[in-house]
Amino acid sequence: MKTTKTACPYCGVGCGLEVSPPATPGKVTNRDSKGNPTWQVRGDRSHPSSQGKVCLKGATVGEALDKSRLKYPMMRNTLDEA
């Protein structure tokens, strides 16, 4: 499985992440509630500042890559209606 090292985009710390593609032939693959393969994300143990530790947002960054994720508000209200 090819793993790519990158940095978490959510805050200024820039914790190190290792991201793997969703499907590898012959390997068990995690799937979302709809049965689609999900990206594998984990902390990069060799990263000098985070040393493999990431927060909840960093650990779930793979969910942002889901094509069926919610991209717009479900209800379009004005500020007065909200």
N, C-alpha and C. Protein backbone atom coordinates (compact mmCIF):
# COMPACT_ATOMS: atom_id res chain seq x y z
N MET A 1 0.84 -1.16 0.00
CA MET A 1 0.00 0.00 0.00
C MET A 1 0.89 1.23 0.00
N LYS A 2 0.68 2.13 -0.95
CA LYS A 2 1.48 3.34 -1.04
C LYS A 2 0.95 4.38 -0.07
N THR A 3 1.82 4.88 0.79
CA THR A 3 1.45 5.88 1.77
C THR A 3 2.12 7.19 1.42
N THR A 4 1.35 8.28 1.51
CA THR A 4 1.87 9.62 1.24
C THR A 4 1.92 10.40 2.53
N LYS A 5 3.04 11.07 2.78
CA LYS A 5 3.18 11.90 3.97
C LYS A 5 2.76 13.31 3.62
N THR A 6 1.97 13.91 4.52
CA THR A 6 1.47 15.26 4.30
C THR A 6 1.26 15.93 5.65
N ALA A 7 0.79 17.16 5.63
CA ALA A 7 0.52 17.89 6.87
C ALA A 7 -0.98 18.12 7.01
N CYS A 8 -1.44 18.11 8.23
CA CYS A 8 -2.85 18.36 8.52
C CYS A 8 -3.19 19.81 8.15
N PRO A 9 -4.30 20.05 7.45
CA PRO A 9 -4.64 21.41 7.01
C PRO A 9 -5.47 22.22 8.00
N TYR A 10 -5.81 21.67 9.16
CA TYR A 10 -6.83 22.30 10.00
C TYR A 10 -6.35 23.38 10.95
N CYS A 11 -5.09 23.43 11.31
CA CYS A 11 -4.64 24.49 12.21
C CYS A 11 -3.18 24.84 11.90
N GLY A 12 -2.62 25.74 12.66
CA GLY A 12 -1.26 26.19 12.41
C GLY A 12 -0.17 25.25 12.88
N VAL A 13 -0.51 24.22 13.62
CA VAL A 13 0.50 23.28 14.10
C VAL A 13 1.10 22.49 12.95
N GLY A 14 0.27 22.04 12.02
CA GLY A 14 0.75 21.29 10.86
C GLY A 14 1.24 19.90 11.21
N CYS A 15 0.46 19.17 11.99
CA CYS A 15 0.84 17.81 12.38
C CYS A 15 1.06 16.93 11.15
N GLY A 16 1.97 16.00 11.26
CA GLY A 16 2.27 15.10 10.16
C GLY A 16 1.25 13.98 10.05
N LEU A 17 0.81 13.70 8.82
CA LEU A 17 -0.14 12.63 8.56
C LEU A 17 0.42 11.69 7.52
N GLU A 18 0.03 10.43 7.61
CA GLU A 18 0.30 9.44 6.57
C GLU A 18 -1.05 9.06 5.99
N VAL A 19 -1.22 9.25 4.68
CA VAL A 19 -2.49 9.00 4.02
C VAL A 19 -2.30 7.90 2.99
N SER A 20 -3.20 6.91 3.03
CA SER A 20 -3.14 5.78 2.09
C SER A 20 -4.42 5.75 1.27
N PRO A 21 -4.34 5.35 0.00
CA PRO A 21 -5.54 5.30 -0.85
C PRO A 21 -6.56 4.30 -0.32
N PRO A 22 -7.81 4.45 -0.75
CA PRO A 22 -8.88 3.65 -0.16
C PRO A 22 -8.86 2.17 -0.47
N ALA A 23 -8.34 1.77 -1.59
CA ALA A 23 -8.43 0.34 -1.94
C ALA A 23 -7.07 -0.19 -2.36
N THR A 24 -6.70 -1.32 -1.79
CA THR A 24 -5.49 -2.03 -2.16
C THR A 24 -5.89 -3.47 -2.48
N PRO A 25 -5.54 -3.95 -3.66
CA PRO A 25 -5.94 -5.32 -4.02
C PRO A 25 -5.45 -6.34 -2.99
N GLY A 26 -6.34 -7.22 -2.58
CA GLY A 26 -5.99 -8.29 -1.65
C GLY A 26 -5.96 -7.89 -0.19
N LYS A 27 -6.29 -6.65 0.13
CA LYS A 27 -6.25 -6.17 1.52
C LYS A 27 -7.66 -5.83 1.99
N VAL A 28 -7.88 -6.00 3.29
CA VAL A 28 -9.15 -5.59 3.88
C VAL A 28 -9.22 -4.07 3.84
N THR A 29 -10.37 -3.54 3.45
CA THR A 29 -10.53 -2.10 3.30
C THR A 29 -11.64 -1.60 4.20
N ASN A 30 -11.37 -0.50 4.93
CA ASN A 30 -12.43 0.12 5.72
C ASN A 30 -13.45 0.74 4.78
N ARG A 31 -14.71 0.69 5.18
CA ARG A 31 -15.78 1.22 4.34
C ARG A 31 -16.68 2.13 5.17
N ASP A 32 -17.28 3.12 4.49
CA ASP A 32 -18.21 4.00 5.16
C ASP A 32 -19.58 3.33 5.28
N SER A 33 -20.57 4.07 5.76
CA SER A 33 -21.89 3.49 5.99
C SER A 33 -22.59 3.06 4.70
N LYS A 34 -22.15 3.61 3.56
CA LYS A 34 -22.74 3.24 2.27
C LYS A 34 -21.97 2.11 1.59
N GLY A 35 -20.90 1.65 2.22
CA GLY A 35 -20.11 0.56 1.65
C GLY A 35 -18.98 1.00 0.74
N ASN A 36 -18.74 2.31 0.64
CA ASN A 36 -17.65 2.82 -0.19
C ASN A 36 -16.33 2.74 0.56
N PRO A 37 -15.23 2.41 -0.14
CA PRO A 37 -13.92 2.38 0.52
C PRO A 37 -13.52 3.77 1.02
N THR A 38 -12.88 3.85 2.17
CA THR A 38 -12.46 5.14 2.73
C THR A 38 -10.94 5.26 2.73
N TRP A 39 -10.45 6.49 2.70
CA TRP A 39 -9.02 6.75 2.79
C TRP A 39 -8.55 6.42 4.19
N GLN A 40 -7.34 5.92 4.30
CA GLN A 40 -6.74 5.60 5.59
C GLN A 40 -5.85 6.77 6.01
N VAL A 41 -6.07 7.31 7.20
CA VAL A 41 -5.29 8.44 7.71
C VAL A 41 -4.79 8.08 9.10
N ARG A 42 -3.50 8.33 9.34
CA ARG A 42 -2.93 8.12 10.67
C ARG A 42 -1.81 9.13 10.89
N GLY A 43 -1.43 9.30 12.13
CA GLY A 43 -0.35 10.21 12.47
C GLY A 43 0.99 9.69 12.00
N ASP A 44 1.85 10.60 11.56
CA ASP A 44 3.19 10.26 11.09
C ASP A 44 4.14 10.23 12.28
N ARG A 45 4.58 9.04 12.66
CA ARG A 45 5.45 8.90 13.84
C ARG A 45 6.81 9.55 13.66
N SER A 46 7.24 9.76 12.42
CA SER A 46 8.55 10.37 12.18
C SER A 46 8.47 11.89 12.09
N HIS A 47 7.29 12.47 12.22
CA HIS A 47 7.14 13.93 12.15
C HIS A 47 7.73 14.55 13.41
N PRO A 48 8.58 15.60 13.27
CA PRO A 48 9.31 16.13 14.43
C PRO A 48 8.44 16.77 15.52
N SER A 49 7.33 17.41 15.14
CA SER A 49 6.54 18.07 16.19
C SER A 49 5.39 17.23 16.71
N SER A 50 4.68 16.52 15.85
CA SER A 50 3.51 15.77 16.33
C SER A 50 3.84 14.34 16.75
N GLN A 51 4.92 13.78 16.25
CA GLN A 51 5.41 12.44 16.62
C GLN A 51 4.31 11.37 16.58
N GLY A 52 3.46 11.45 15.55
CA GLY A 52 2.42 10.44 15.37
C GLY A 52 1.11 10.73 16.05
N LYS A 53 1.04 11.81 16.79
CA LYS A 53 -0.21 12.15 17.48
C LYS A 53 -0.98 13.19 16.65
N VAL A 54 -2.28 13.01 16.55
CA VAL A 54 -3.13 13.97 15.84
C VAL A 54 -4.43 14.15 16.61
N CYS A 55 -5.07 15.28 16.40
CA CYS A 55 -6.36 15.53 17.04
C CYS A 55 -7.47 14.83 16.26
N LEU A 56 -8.68 14.95 16.72
CA LEU A 56 -9.82 14.29 16.08
C LEU A 56 -10.05 14.81 14.67
N LYS A 57 -9.88 16.12 14.46
CA LYS A 57 -10.07 16.67 13.11
C LYS A 57 -9.03 16.11 12.16
N GLY A 58 -7.79 16.02 12.60
CA GLY A 58 -6.74 15.47 11.75
C GLY A 58 -6.95 14.00 11.45
N ALA A 59 -7.43 13.26 12.43
CA ALA A 59 -7.63 11.83 12.24
C ALA A 59 -8.78 11.52 11.29
N THR A 60 -9.72 12.45 11.15
CA THR A 60 -10.88 12.22 10.28
C THR A 60 -10.81 13.02 8.98
N VAL A 61 -9.64 13.54 8.64
CA VAL A 61 -9.50 14.34 7.41
C VAL A 61 -9.87 13.53 6.17
N GLY A 62 -9.75 12.23 6.21
CA GLY A 62 -10.13 11.40 5.07
C GLY A 62 -11.59 11.49 4.72
N GLU A 63 -12.43 11.81 5.69
CA GLU A 63 -13.86 11.95 5.42
C GLU A 63 -14.15 13.14 4.52
N ALA A 64 -13.27 14.14 4.51
CA ALA A 64 -13.46 15.30 3.64
C ALA A 64 -13.24 14.94 2.18
N LEU A 65 -12.61 13.80 1.92
CA LEU A 65 -12.35 13.37 0.55
C LEU A 65 -13.51 12.59 -0.05
N ASP A 66 -14.53 12.32 0.75
CA ASP A 66 -15.69 11.56 0.28
C ASP A 66 -16.49 12.39 -0.71
N LYS A 67 -16.74 11.87 -1.90
CA LYS A 67 -17.46 12.61 -2.93
C LYS A 67 -18.90 12.90 -2.55
N SER A 68 -19.47 12.11 -1.66
CA SER A 68 -20.87 12.32 -1.28
C SER A 68 -21.01 13.16 0.00
N ARG A 69 -19.92 13.80 0.44
CA ARG A 69 -20.00 14.58 1.67
C ARG A 69 -20.88 15.82 1.47
N LEU A 70 -21.41 16.33 2.55
CA LEU A 70 -22.24 17.52 2.51
C LEU A 70 -21.37 18.73 2.20
N LYS A 71 -21.70 19.46 1.14
CA LYS A 71 -20.90 20.60 0.71
C LYS A 71 -21.62 21.93 0.90
N TYR A 72 -22.92 21.89 1.06
CA TYR A 72 -23.72 23.10 1.20
C TYR A 72 -24.71 22.92 2.34
N PRO A 73 -25.19 24.01 2.93
CA PRO A 73 -26.18 23.88 3.99
C PRO A 73 -27.43 23.18 3.48
N MET A 74 -28.05 22.39 4.33
CA MET A 74 -29.26 21.69 3.92
C MET A 74 -30.45 22.64 3.83
N MET A 75 -30.42 23.72 4.60
CA MET A 75 -31.48 24.72 4.55
C MET A 75 -30.86 26.06 4.24
N ARG A 76 -31.42 26.76 3.29
CA ARG A 76 -30.92 28.09 2.95
C ARG A 76 -31.82 29.13 3.60
N ASN A 77 -31.39 29.66 4.72
CA ASN A 77 -32.14 30.66 5.47
C ASN A 77 -31.35 31.96 5.51
N THR A 78 -32.07 33.06 5.64
CA THR A 78 -31.40 34.33 5.86
C THR A 78 -31.04 34.42 7.34
N LEU A 79 -30.25 35.40 7.70
CA LEU A 79 -29.88 35.57 9.10
C LEU A 79 -31.10 35.88 9.96
N ASP A 80 -32.08 36.59 9.39
CA ASP A 80 -33.30 36.89 10.15
C ASP A 80 -34.10 35.63 10.45
N GLU A 81 -34.12 34.69 9.51
CA GLU A 81 -34.87 33.45 9.71
C GLU A 81 -34.16 32.50 10.67
N ALA A 82 -32.85 32.57 10.71
CA ALA A 82 -32.09 31.68 11.57
C ALA A 82 -32.28 32.11 13.00
